Protein backbone atom coordinates (compact mmCIF):
# COMPACT_ATOMS: atom_id res chain seq x y z
CA ARG A 1 7.35 127.05 92.22
CA LEU A 2 6.98 131.21 91.90
CA SER A 3 6.67 131.74 96.02
CA SER A 4 9.55 129.62 96.27
CA LEU A 5 11.14 131.63 93.81
CA HIS A 6 10.81 134.18 95.62
CA SER A 7 11.25 133.13 98.60
CA PHE A 8 15.18 131.94 97.97
CA SER A 9 15.57 135.45 96.10
CA ASP A 10 14.59 137.04 99.69
CA THR A 11 17.10 134.42 101.27
CA ASN A 12 20.39 136.07 98.63
CA ILE A 13 19.18 139.46 99.17
CA ALA A 14 19.40 139.15 103.25
CA SER A 15 22.27 137.28 102.91
CA ILE A 16 24.01 140.39 101.61
CA SER A 17 24.80 142.22 104.74
CA ALA A 18 23.37 142.95 108.50
CA GLU A 19 21.75 146.33 106.55
CA TYR A 20 19.47 144.35 103.64
CA ARG A 21 18.32 141.35 106.07
CA GLN A 22 17.21 144.71 108.40
CA LEU A 23 15.19 145.87 104.67
CA VAL A 24 13.92 142.34 103.60
CA LEU A 25 12.61 142.65 107.22
CA ALA A 26 10.83 146.14 106.96
CA HIS A 27 9.04 144.99 104.16
CA ASN A 28 7.11 142.28 106.28
CA ILE A 29 8.23 139.48 105.06
CA LEU A 30 7.36 136.94 107.63
CA ARG A 31 3.73 138.57 107.23
CA HIS A 32 3.43 137.29 103.49
CA VAL A 33 5.45 134.76 104.46
CA LEU A 34 2.56 132.39 107.49
CA PRO A 35 -0.28 132.70 104.71
CA LEU A 36 1.92 130.34 102.67
CA VAL A 37 3.58 128.54 105.06
CA ARG A 38 -0.40 127.94 107.12
CA PRO A 39 -1.96 125.57 104.49
CA TYR A 40 0.34 122.79 104.68
CA LEU A 41 -0.71 122.12 108.68
CA ILE A 42 -3.98 120.83 106.81
CA PHE A 43 -2.49 119.23 103.97
CA SER A 44 -0.32 117.59 106.61
CA SER A 45 -3.57 116.69 109.21
CA GLN A 46 -4.80 114.59 106.05
CA ASN A 47 -1.99 112.17 105.95
CA ALA A 48 -1.02 113.34 101.77
CA ASN A 49 2.11 113.07 101.39
CA ALA A 50 3.80 115.49 100.04
CA THR A 51 5.46 116.87 96.50
CA LYS A 52 8.78 117.72 95.85
CA GLN A 53 8.29 120.82 95.07
CA GLN A 54 5.40 121.81 98.10
CA ARG A 55 8.63 120.46 99.73
CA HIS A 56 10.91 122.41 97.64
CA PHE A 57 8.82 125.45 98.79
CA LEU A 58 8.92 124.02 102.68
CA HIS A 59 12.72 124.27 102.74
CA SER A 60 13.60 126.95 100.36
CA VAL A 61 11.24 129.12 104.13
CA ALA A 62 13.76 127.46 105.95
CA TRP A 63 16.58 128.62 104.41
CA LEU A 64 15.10 132.11 104.59
CA LEU A 65 13.86 132.46 108.11
CA ALA A 66 17.59 130.96 109.40
CA THR A 67 19.02 133.83 106.97
CA LEU A 68 16.35 136.56 108.77
CA VAL A 69 17.78 135.05 112.16
CA PRO A 70 21.39 135.31 112.82
CA ASN A 71 23.23 135.33 116.79
CA GLU A 72 22.07 138.81 116.83
CA ILE A 73 18.13 138.87 117.03
CA PRO A 74 17.27 142.24 114.67
CA LEU A 75 13.41 141.68 115.23
CA SER A 76 10.84 142.98 117.39
CA ALA A 77 8.22 140.75 119.95
CA ALA A 78 5.80 141.59 117.20
CA GLN A 79 8.01 140.27 114.24
CA MET A 80 9.13 137.07 116.91
CA LYS A 81 5.67 136.40 117.03
CA LEU A 82 4.91 135.75 113.33
CA LEU A 83 7.97 133.97 112.80
CA LEU A 84 7.11 131.49 115.98
CA HIS A 85 4.14 131.00 114.09
CA ILE A 86 5.45 129.73 110.83
CA LEU A 87 8.61 127.38 112.67
CA HIS A 88 5.12 126.13 114.57
CA VAL A 89 3.90 125.44 110.82
CA LEU A 90 6.71 123.91 109.25
CA LEU A 91 8.23 121.44 112.57
CA HIS A 92 3.97 119.66 112.90
CA THR A 93 3.79 119.32 108.98
CA GLN A 94 4.10 115.74 107.70
CA CYS A 95 6.74 116.83 105.64
CA CYS A 96 9.14 117.45 108.70
CA HIS A 97 8.98 114.23 110.35
CA VAL A 98 11.16 112.91 107.63
CA ASP A 99 13.26 115.68 106.21
CA ALA A 100 16.35 116.87 107.84
CA GLU A 101 16.33 119.54 105.55
CA ILE A 102 13.18 121.48 107.00
CA VAL A 103 14.57 120.78 110.37
CA LEU A 104 17.66 121.42 110.33
CA PRO A 105 17.35 125.13 109.34
CA CYS A 106 14.16 125.76 111.78
CA CYS A 107 15.93 124.31 115.23
CA LEU A 108 18.89 126.63 113.86
CA VAL A 109 16.41 129.85 114.22
CA LEU A 110 15.12 128.05 117.36
CA HIS A 111 18.15 127.22 119.04
CA ARG A 112 19.90 131.42 118.38
CA LEU A 113 16.19 132.38 120.12
CA THR A 114 17.41 130.48 123.29
CA VAL A 115 20.68 131.61 122.79
CA ASP A 116 19.96 135.28 122.66
CA ILE A 117 17.20 134.85 126.08
CA GLY A 118 20.42 135.14 128.46
CA ARG A 119 21.85 138.14 126.87
CA CYS A 120 18.13 139.52 126.41
CA ARG A 121 18.24 140.74 130.72
CA ARG A 122 20.39 143.10 130.23
CA ASP A 123 19.47 144.42 127.13
CA ALA A 124 16.69 147.53 126.57
CA ARG A 125 15.69 145.98 123.26
CA GLU A 126 11.39 147.13 122.68
CA CYS A 127 11.26 142.88 122.49
CA ALA A 128 14.17 142.11 125.85
CA ALA A 129 11.21 141.46 128.58
CA TRP A 130 8.94 139.94 126.18
CA MET A 131 11.77 137.18 125.26
CA CYS A 132 12.94 136.39 129.27
CA GLY A 133 9.58 136.01 130.24
CA GLU A 134 6.96 135.03 127.86
CA LEU A 135 9.17 133.41 125.66
CA PRO A 136 10.31 130.07 127.02
CA PHE A 137 6.78 129.94 127.93
CA VAL A 138 5.81 129.60 124.16
CA LEU A 139 8.49 127.45 122.85
CA ILE A 140 7.48 125.12 126.00
CA ASP A 141 3.69 125.04 125.54
CA SER A 142 3.40 125.57 122.22
CA GLY A 143 4.55 122.04 121.12
CA LEU A 144 7.74 123.30 119.33
CA VAL A 145 9.32 121.42 122.49
CA ASP A 146 7.20 117.68 122.39
CA VAL A 147 9.25 118.40 118.71
CA PHE A 148 12.44 118.29 119.46
CA LEU A 149 12.00 115.46 122.38
CA ARG A 150 10.59 113.53 119.80
CA ILE A 151 13.92 114.45 117.46
CA LEU A 152 15.51 113.57 120.23
CA ARG A 153 13.84 109.77 120.31
CA ASN A 154 14.61 108.90 117.55
CA ASP A 155 17.71 106.63 116.83
CA PHE A 156 18.12 106.53 113.28
CA LYS A 157 15.13 109.22 111.07
CA TYR A 158 17.42 112.32 112.12
CA ASN A 159 20.95 112.60 112.11
CA ARG A 160 23.52 114.17 114.49
CA LYS A 161 23.94 117.42 113.21
CA VAL A 162 19.94 117.91 113.61
CA LYS A 163 19.92 116.13 117.64
CA TYR A 164 22.66 118.37 118.32
CA VAL A 165 21.88 121.12 117.90
CA VAL A 166 17.96 121.05 119.54
CA LEU A 167 19.82 119.63 122.31
CA ARG A 168 21.25 122.77 122.90
CA THR A 169 18.43 124.13 122.42
CA VAL A 170 16.37 122.22 125.60
CA GLY A 171 19.93 123.01 127.04
CA ASN A 172 19.58 126.73 127.04
CA LEU A 173 15.82 126.61 128.11
CA ALA A 174 16.94 124.36 131.08
CA ALA A 175 19.45 126.30 131.91
CA LEU A 176 16.77 129.28 132.66
CA THR A 177 14.76 129.95 135.39
CA ASP A 178 13.77 126.95 138.12
CA ARG A 179 10.10 127.44 136.35
CA VAL A 180 11.26 127.14 132.75
CA THR A 181 13.47 124.22 134.35
CA SER A 182 10.21 122.56 135.85
CA ALA A 183 7.70 123.16 132.53
CA LEU A 184 10.17 121.26 130.87
CA VAL A 185 10.80 118.66 132.67
CA GLN A 186 7.71 117.82 133.12
CA ARG A 187 6.68 117.58 129.25
CA CYS A 188 6.17 113.62 128.31
CA GLY A 189 8.84 111.85 126.90
CA PHE A 190 11.66 114.50 128.80
CA PHE A 191 13.51 111.92 130.17
CA SER A 192 13.00 108.45 128.06
CA ALA A 193 14.80 111.16 125.28
CA VAL A 194 18.02 112.08 127.94
CA ASN A 195 17.85 108.65 128.64
CA VAL A 196 18.55 107.32 124.66
CA LEU A 197 20.62 110.10 124.40
CA LEU A 198 22.94 108.97 127.03
CA GLN A 199 23.36 104.98 124.88
CA SER A 200 24.19 107.13 121.87
CA THR A 201 27.97 106.47 119.75
CA SER A 202 28.31 110.63 119.70
CA LYS A 203 30.70 111.94 122.43
CA SER A 204 29.50 115.97 121.87
CA LEU A 205 25.66 114.88 122.04
CA ARG A 206 26.54 112.34 125.78
CA ARG A 207 28.34 115.12 127.05
CA GLU A 208 25.75 117.77 126.33
CA THR A 209 23.11 115.69 127.84
CA MET A 210 25.08 115.06 130.69
CA LEU A 211 25.66 119.50 130.39
CA LEU A 212 21.44 119.07 130.09
CA LEU A 213 21.47 116.87 133.32
CA SER A 214 24.19 119.03 135.23
CA ASN A 215 21.27 122.14 134.75
CA VAL A 216 18.77 120.08 135.48
CA ALA A 217 19.88 118.89 138.69
CA ALA A 218 21.03 123.00 140.02
CA GLY A 219 17.56 123.55 139.97
CA ARG A 220 14.66 122.41 142.81
CA VAL A 221 14.82 119.12 144.93
CA GLU A 222 11.94 118.36 142.45
CA HIS A 223 14.00 118.48 139.72
CA ILE A 224 16.98 116.49 141.90
CA GLU A 225 14.27 113.76 143.04
CA ARG A 226 12.80 113.07 139.86
CA THR A 227 16.79 112.69 137.81
CA LEU A 228 17.14 110.69 141.32
CA SER A 229 14.35 107.93 140.83
CA ASP A 230 14.54 106.88 137.03
CA SER A 231 16.93 104.42 137.79
CA ASP A 232 18.20 103.60 134.44
CA LEU A 233 19.04 106.60 133.77
CA LEU A 234 21.60 106.31 137.25
CA ARG A 235 22.63 103.12 135.53
CA ARG A 236 24.49 105.40 132.00
CA ILE A 237 25.40 108.46 133.96
CA MET A 238 27.24 105.43 136.53
CA HIS A 239 28.41 104.09 132.66
CA ILE A 240 29.93 107.26 131.79
CA LEU A 241 31.68 107.94 134.60
CA VAL A 242 33.55 104.49 135.21
CA HIS A 243 34.06 104.24 131.60
């Protein structure tokens, strides 16, 4: 309960202005948060149900992270690695599988990170080289992208807002280099998630899915061949074009 109150207080302070946000970061808040959330990964692996108080704590941590990472990422490379570690724990907890209030802020942070990758190519910040070269593969190899694909494949568990943010994040990754796109489409479940999304009743989700596919098809020959080899996918694309 005390940790939740501290997290909520830090969120309120960081939300005042960019200056206050930097002040919170300067006190190594991420280094203090990580030991508090790490036990939840062990807790989750034991298939125990989190109490309401424990879930409230995870909510407060997730929204703290979303407040600390606005549209312009103010973090160093070291801080970003801590941030990703915390997000990895949160998104792999049992609570996250059933609680959109934990998933949404985490996905908002990851979406902002992928948006910032494109900007950092023209940036001289300390973290720019790490973000452009390593961050996309950290997201893919750590299993965070697998969490995204699981969310996108699930028809009913997650609401449309969560899916839209996750889909935009995956689309940002697909718009990067051919190496990143190759690593992305090779993940188990990528094309099955795309097939599910093309059947969505949401026009915005179908539109974003088509944009994702256009980024995939704009890459290497093997990306195009993999897309064309899926008969169900082609049939759904043609259905959208016709109707």
